[in-house]
Amino acid sequence: MKKIFLLVFAVVSLLLPNANAGAWGSPYPGTLYDGKYVLVSGRMGGGQYVDMSSCVVEIYNPPHYQIAINVVGVQFSEDYYRAHGTYIGGPYKVHSDQRLMKFRYDYDTKAIWVLGSAGVWKYWDIYQVHSVADGHPLIPYSAEAAFAAAYNMRFFGSTTGYGGNRVISEDFYRVLGL
């Protein structure tokens, strides 16, 4: 009986969310610099954050919009992670280089395009599986953060994409204050 109890306890403990988790249950801080930087992607000790104060609306023609925003890289301390199991509260270094990302939106169809490095607009298909190399979660979360910074409202909201999953998690909207 004791073994069964311990097994059930272990399984339940693994399924419960991490109380120290940042945005979307990750070990990275959801925001830095009092909310100025918002986490859009994190892995392998590094995070990518949008600078919410850098948002520029380039085209405003509802339902079509074009918005630019800067993304900065942040490197966290692996020593801190090994000691605490999280990067939250630990030291970090913001990289001096920034990446300008530009997005086009069609609000009616919930479609977005991202400007690629070759200067060509690429449609981001929310009904397709995307890998980290393809730009997931960086592209949809950066696009959502840019729209929120520009208009203080959700773009995707509860829109579902591939497999019936929400494009943007509700936890991310909480970080954005929406």
C-alpha atoms as a PDB file:
ATOM      1  CA  MET A   1       0.000   0.000   0.000  1.00  0.00           C
ATOM      2  CA  LYS A   2       2.827   2.380   0.859  1.00  0.00           C
ATOM      3  CA  LYS A   3       4.472   1.730  -2.523  1.00  0.00           C
ATOM      4  CA  ILE A   4       1.227   2.501  -4.357  1.00  0.00           C
ATOM      5  CA  PHE A   5       0.816   5.740  -2.391  1.00  0.00           C
ATOM      6  CA  LEU A   6       4.399   6.790  -3.223  1.00  0.00           C
ATOM      7  CA  LEU A   7       3.888   5.950  -6.888  1.00  0.00           C
ATOM      8  CA  VAL A   8       0.647   7.953  -7.062  1.00  0.00           C
ATOM      9  CA  PHE A   9       2.285  10.855  -5.203  1.00  0.00           C
ATOM     10  CA  ALA A  10       5.240  10.854  -7.629  1.00  0.00           C
ATOM     11  CA  VAL A  11       2.972  10.847 -10.695  1.00  0.00           C
ATOM     12  CA  VAL A  12       0.767  13.647  -9.335  1.00  0.00           C
ATOM     13  CA  SER A  13       3.845  15.714  -8.408  1.00  0.00           C
ATOM     14  CA  LEU A  14       5.134  15.449 -11.955  1.00  0.00           C
ATOM     15  CA  LEU A  15       1.814  16.532 -13.402  1.00  0.00           C
ATOM     16  CA  LEU A  16       1.386  19.613 -11.203  1.00  0.00           C
ATOM     17  CA  PRO A  17       2.619  22.895 -12.695  1.00  0.00           C
ATOM     18  CA  ASN A  18       5.917  24.287 -11.453  1.00  0.00           C
ATOM     19  CA  ALA A  19       5.227  27.094  -8.967  1.00  0.00           C
ATOM     20  CA  ASN A  20       8.447  28.853  -9.995  1.00  0.00           C
ATOM     21  CA  ALA A  21       7.649  28.736 -13.700  1.00  0.00           C
ATOM     22  CA  GLY A  22       7.602  31.904 -15.770  1.00  0.00           C
ATOM     23  CA  ALA A  23       5.725  32.427 -19.016  1.00  0.00           C
ATOM     24  CA  TRP A  24       3.945  29.258 -20.227  1.00  0.00           C
ATOM     25  CA  GLY A  25       5.467  27.096 -17.509  1.00  0.00           C
ATOM     26  CA  SER A  26       9.081  27.671 -18.537  1.00  0.00           C
ATOM     27  CA  PRO A  27      12.032  28.240 -16.193  1.00  0.00           C
ATOM     28  CA  TYR A  28      12.665  31.665 -17.780  1.00  0.00           C
ATOM     29  CA  PRO A  29      11.405  34.990 -16.401  1.00  0.00           C
ATOM     30  CA  GLY A  30       8.255  36.028 -18.287  1.00  0.00           C
ATOM     31  CA  THR A  31       9.401  39.644 -18.276  1.00  0.00           C
ATOM     32  CA  LEU A  32      12.550  41.664 -17.614  1.00  0.00           C
ATOM     33  CA  TYR A  33      13.105  45.377 -16.955  1.00  0.00           C
ATOM     34  CA  ASP A  34       9.712  45.920 -15.281  1.00  0.00           C
ATOM     35  CA  GLY A  35       7.793  44.420 -18.190  1.00  0.00           C
ATOM     36  CA  LYS A  36       9.633  46.267 -20.952  1.00  0.00           C
ATOM     37  CA  TYR A  37      11.026  42.942 -22.256  1.00  0.00           C
ATOM     38  CA  VAL A  38       8.589  40.039 -22.703  1.00  0.00           C
ATOM     39  CA  LEU A  39       9.715  36.436 -23.228  1.00  0.00           C
ATOM     40  CA  VAL A  40       8.747  35.008 -26.630  1.00  0.00           C
ATOM     41  CA  SER A  41      11.134  32.048 -26.824  1.00  0.00           C
ATOM     42  CA  GLY A  42      13.531  30.319 -24.473  1.00  0.00           C
ATOM     43  CA  ARG A  43      15.738  27.276 -24.676  1.00  0.00           C
ATOM     44  CA  MET A  44      19.172  25.998 -23.734  1.00  0.00           C
ATOM     45  CA  GLY A  45      19.890  28.799 -21.251  1.00  0.00           C
ATOM     46  CA  GLY A  46      18.993  31.633 -23.583  1.00  0.00           C
ATOM     47  CA  GLY A  47      15.843  33.617 -24.113  1.00  0.00           C
ATOM     48  CA  GLN A  48      14.499  35.914 -26.775  1.00  0.00           C
ATOM     49  CA  TYR A  49      12.505  38.876 -25.548  1.00  0.00           C
ATOM     50  CA  VAL A  50      10.543  41.509 -27.448  1.00  0.00           C
ATOM     51  CA  ASP A  51      11.246  45.076 -26.427  1.00  0.00           C
ATOM     52  CA  MET A  52       7.678  46.319 -25.980  1.00  0.00           C
ATOM     53  CA  SER A  53       8.846  49.944 -26.069  1.00  0.00           C
ATOM     54  CA  SER A  54      10.286  49.535 -29.583  1.00  0.00           C
ATOM     55  CA  CYS A  55       6.966  48.835 -31.319  1.00  0.00           C
ATOM     56  CA  VAL A  56       6.301  50.912 -34.465  1.00  0.00           C
ATOM     57  CA  VAL A  57       3.062  50.762 -36.463  1.00  0.00           C
ATOM     58  CA  GLU A  58       4.048  51.052 -40.123  1.00  0.00           C
ATOM     59  CA  ILE A  59       0.679  50.397 -41.768  1.00  0.00           C
ATOM     60  CA  TYR A  60      -2.706  51.024 -40.205  1.00  0.00           C
ATOM     61  CA  ASN A  61      -5.448  50.096 -42.659  1.00  0.00           C
ATOM     62  CA  PRO A  62      -7.953  47.906 -40.761  1.00  0.00           C
ATOM     63  CA  PRO A  63      -8.214  44.967 -41.065  1.00  0.00           C
ATOM     64  CA  HIS A  64      -4.621  45.118 -42.394  1.00  0.00           C
ATOM     65  CA  TYR A  65      -1.705  46.173 -40.228  1.00  0.00           C
ATOM     66  CA  GLN A  66       2.079  46.160 -40.358  1.00  0.00           C
ATOM     67  CA  ILE A  67       4.108  46.409 -37.166  1.00  0.00           C
ATOM     68  CA  ALA A  68       7.855  46.342 -36.428  1.00  0.00           C
ATOM     69  CA  ILE A  69       9.379  45.403 -33.084  1.00  0.00           C
ATOM     70  CA  ASN A  70      12.865  44.634 -31.744  1.00  0.00           C
ATOM     71  CA  VAL A  71      13.819  41.252 -30.318  1.00  0.00           C
ATOM     72  CA  VAL A  72      16.778  40.962 -27.947  1.00  0.00           C
ATOM     73  CA  GLY A  73      18.720  37.913 -26.849  1.00  0.00           C
ATOM     74  CA  VAL A  74      19.374  37.185 -23.186  1.00  0.00           C
ATOM     75  CA  GLN A  75      21.843  34.639 -21.802  1.00  0.00           C
ATOM     76  CA  PHE A  76      21.140  33.221 -18.355  1.00  0.00           C
ATOM     77  CA  SER A  77      23.496  31.682 -15.787  1.00  0.00           C
ATOM     78  CA  GLU A  78      23.757  27.902 -16.041  1.00  0.00           C
ATOM     79  CA  ASP A  79      25.348  27.798 -12.577  1.00  0.00           C
ATOM     80  CA  TYR A  80      22.264  29.487 -11.133  1.00  0.00           C
ATOM     81  CA  TYR A  81      20.012  27.021 -12.988  1.00  0.00           C
ATOM     82  CA  ARG A  82      21.931  24.011 -11.671  1.00  0.00           C
ATOM     83  CA  ALA A  83      21.624  25.342  -8.123  1.00  0.00           C
ATOM     84  CA  HIS A  84      17.958  26.439  -8.276  1.00  0.00           C
ATOM     85  CA  GLY A  85      16.292  24.582 -11.170  1.00  0.00           C
ATOM     86  CA  THR A  86      15.162  27.873 -12.722  1.00  0.00           C
ATOM     87  CA  TYR A  87      16.600  30.996 -14.318  1.00  0.00           C
ATOM     88  CA  ILE A  88      14.046  33.189 -12.551  1.00  0.00           C
ATOM     89  CA  GLY A  89      15.817  35.509 -10.132  1.00  0.00           C
ATOM     90  CA  GLY A  90      19.257  34.638 -11.460  1.00  0.00           C
ATOM     91  CA  PRO A  91      21.847  36.736 -13.248  1.00  0.00           C
ATOM     92  CA  TYR A  92      21.623  37.308 -16.986  1.00  0.00           C
ATOM     93  CA  LYS A  93      23.297  39.223 -19.767  1.00  0.00           C
ATOM     94  CA  VAL A  94      21.397  41.082 -22.491  1.00  0.00           C
ATOM     95  CA  HIS A  95      23.141  40.880 -25.864  1.00  0.00           C
ATOM     96  CA  SER A  96      23.867  44.255 -27.441  1.00  0.00           C
ATOM     97  CA  ASP A  97      22.613  43.240 -30.883  1.00  0.00           C
ATOM     98  CA  GLN A  98      18.889  43.464 -31.567  1.00  0.00           C
ATOM     99  CA  ARG A  99      16.846  41.897 -34.316  1.00  0.00           C
ATOM    100  CA  LEU A 100      14.138  43.943 -35.987  1.00  0.00           C
ATOM    101  CA  MET A 101      11.108  41.819 -36.831  1.00  0.00           C
ATOM    102  CA  LYS A 102       8.284  43.021 -39.062  1.00  0.00           C
ATOM    103  CA  PHE A 103       4.848  41.487 -39.242  1.00  0.00           C
ATOM    104  CA  ARG A 104       1.819  41.946 -41.474  1.00  0.00           C
ATOM    105  CA  TYR A 105      -1.586  41.055 -40.143  1.00  0.00           C
ATOM    106  CA  ASP A 106      -5.033  40.384 -41.554  1.00  0.00           C
ATOM    107  CA  TYR A 107      -7.284  40.754 -38.541  1.00  0.00           C
ATOM    108  CA  ASP A 108     -10.354  39.234 -40.233  1.00  0.00           C
ATOM    109  CA  THR A 109      -8.653  35.962 -41.199  1.00  0.00           C
ATOM    110  CA  LYS A 110      -6.133  35.877 -38.302  1.00  0.00           C
ATOM    111  CA  ALA A 111      -3.298  35.498 -40.821  1.00  0.00           C
ATOM    112  CA  ILE A 112       0.208  36.838 -40.301  1.00  0.00           C
ATOM    113  CA  TRP A 113       3.283  37.241 -42.485  1.00  0.00           C
ATOM    114  CA  VAL A 114       6.841  37.803 -41.298  1.00  0.00           C
ATOM    115  CA  LEU A 115       9.531  39.658 -43.229  1.00  0.00           C
ATOM    116  CA  GLY A 116      12.405  37.261 -43.865  1.00  0.00           C
ATOM    117  CA  SER A 117      16.091  38.066 -43.952  1.00  0.00           C
ATOM    118  CA  ALA A 118      16.000  38.131 -47.775  1.00  0.00           C
ATOM    119  CA  GLY A 119      13.389  40.892 -47.686  1.00  0.00           C
ATOM    120  CA  VAL A 120      10.546  38.570 -48.711  1.00  0.00           C
ATOM    121  CA  TRP A 121       7.270  38.304 -46.780  1.00  0.00           C
ATOM    122  CA  LYS A 122       6.546  34.749 -45.628  1.00  0.00           C
ATOM    123  CA  TYR A 123       3.063  33.558 -44.655  1.00  0.00           C
ATOM    124  CA  TRP A 124       2.989  31.924 -41.203  1.00  0.00           C
ATOM    125  CA  ASP A 125       0.543  29.024 -41.438  1.00  0.00           C
ATOM    126  CA  ILE A 126      -1.008  28.449 -38.003  1.00  0.00           C
ATOM    127  CA  TYR A 127      -2.401  25.095 -39.217  1.00  0.00           C
ATOM    128  CA  GLN A 128       1.064  23.645 -39.864  1.00  0.00           C
ATOM    129  CA  VAL A 129       3.501  22.120 -37.384  1.00  0.00           C
ATOM    130  CA  HIS A 130       6.507  24.415 -36.938  1.00  0.00           C
ATOM    131  CA  SER A 131       9.818  23.591 -35.296  1.00  0.00           C
ATOM    132  CA  VAL A 132      12.104  25.926 -33.378  1.00  0.00           C
ATOM    133  CA  ALA A 133      14.233  26.159 -36.541  1.00  0.00           C
ATOM    134  CA  ASP A 134      11.123  27.302 -38.448  1.00  0.00           C
ATOM    135  CA  GLY A 135      10.562  30.046 -35.880  1.00  0.00           C
ATOM    136  CA  HIS A 136       8.187  28.540 -33.345  1.00  0.00           C
ATOM    137  CA  PRO A 137       7.403  29.981 -30.787  1.00  0.00           C
ATOM    138  CA  LEU A 138       9.405  33.101 -31.729  1.00  0.00           C
ATOM    139  CA  ILE A 139       7.291  34.212 -34.724  1.00  0.00           C
ATOM    140  CA  PRO A 140       3.721  33.852 -33.429  1.00  0.00           C
ATOM    141  CA  TYR A 141       4.555  35.093 -29.923  1.00  0.00           C
ATOM    142  CA  SER A 142       6.568  38.067 -31.215  1.00  0.00           C
ATOM    143  CA  ALA A 143       3.752  38.936 -33.614  1.00  0.00           C
ATOM    144  CA  GLU A 144       1.213  38.750 -30.785  1.00  0.00           C
ATOM    145  CA  ALA A 145       3.389  40.862 -28.479  1.00  0.00           C
ATOM    146  CA  ALA A 146       3.857  43.487 -31.215  1.00  0.00           C
ATOM    147  CA  PHE A 147       0.102  43.689 -31.804  1.00  0.00           C
ATOM    148  CA  ALA A 148      -0.506  43.961 -28.053  1.00  0.00           C
ATOM    149  CA  ALA A 149       2.134  46.702 -27.737  1.00  0.00           C
ATOM    150  CA  ALA A 150       0.562  48.661 -30.594  1.00  0.00           C
ATOM    151  CA  TYR A 151      -3.132  48.300 -29.776  1.00  0.00           C
ATOM    152  CA  ASN A 152      -3.370  46.879 -26.231  1.00  0.00           C
ATOM    153  CA  MET A 153      -5.507  44.021 -27.539  1.00  0.00           C
ATOM    154  CA  ARG A 154      -5.162  40.411 -28.631  1.00  0.00           C
ATOM    155  CA  PHE A 155      -4.662  39.458 -32.269  1.00  0.00           C
ATOM    156  CA  PHE A 156      -5.084  35.674 -32.154  1.00  0.00           C
ATOM    157  CA  GLY A 157      -7.077  35.519 -28.903  1.00  0.00           C
ATOM    158  CA  SER A 158      -8.608  32.052 -28.610  1.00  0.00           C
ATOM    159  CA  THR A 159      -7.868  31.181 -32.258  1.00  0.00           C
ATOM    160  CA  THR A 160      -6.836  27.557 -32.647  1.00  0.00           C
ATOM    161  CA  GLY A 161      -4.252  26.286 -35.088  1.00  0.00           C
ATOM    162  CA  TYR A 162      -2.627  22.925 -35.748  1.00  0.00           C
ATOM    163  CA  GLY A 163      -4.258  20.054 -33.893  1.00  0.00           C
ATOM    164  CA  GLY A 164      -6.924  22.327 -32.410  1.00  0.00           C
ATOM    165  CA  ASN A 165      -4.404  23.906 -30.034  1.00  0.00           C
ATOM    166  CA  ARG A 166      -4.498  27.607 -29.232  1.00  0.00           C
ATOM    167  CA  VAL A 167      -1.964  29.614 -31.226  1.00  0.00           C
ATOM    168  CA  ILE A 168      -1.117  31.714 -28.150  1.00  0.00           C
ATOM    169  CA  SER A 169      -1.420  30.421 -24.579  1.00  0.00           C
ATOM    170  CA  GLU A 170      -3.568  32.212 -22.034  1.00  0.00           C
ATOM    171  CA  ASP A 171      -0.501  32.397 -19.766  1.00  0.00           C
ATOM    172  CA  PHE A 172       1.203  34.621 -22.356  1.00  0.00           C
ATOM    173  CA  TYR A 173      -1.774  36.993 -22.363  1.00  0.00           C
ATOM    174  CA  ARG A 174      -1.506  37.220 -18.563  1.00  0.00           C
ATOM    175  CA  VAL A 175       2.158  38.234 -18.934  1.00  0.00           C
ATOM    176  CA  LEU A 176       1.076  40.896 -21.464  1.00  0.00           C
ATOM    177  CA  GLY A 177      -1.657  42.083 -19.095  1.00  0.00           C
ATOM    178  CA  LEU A 178      -4.455  41.273 -21.566  1.00  0.00           C
END
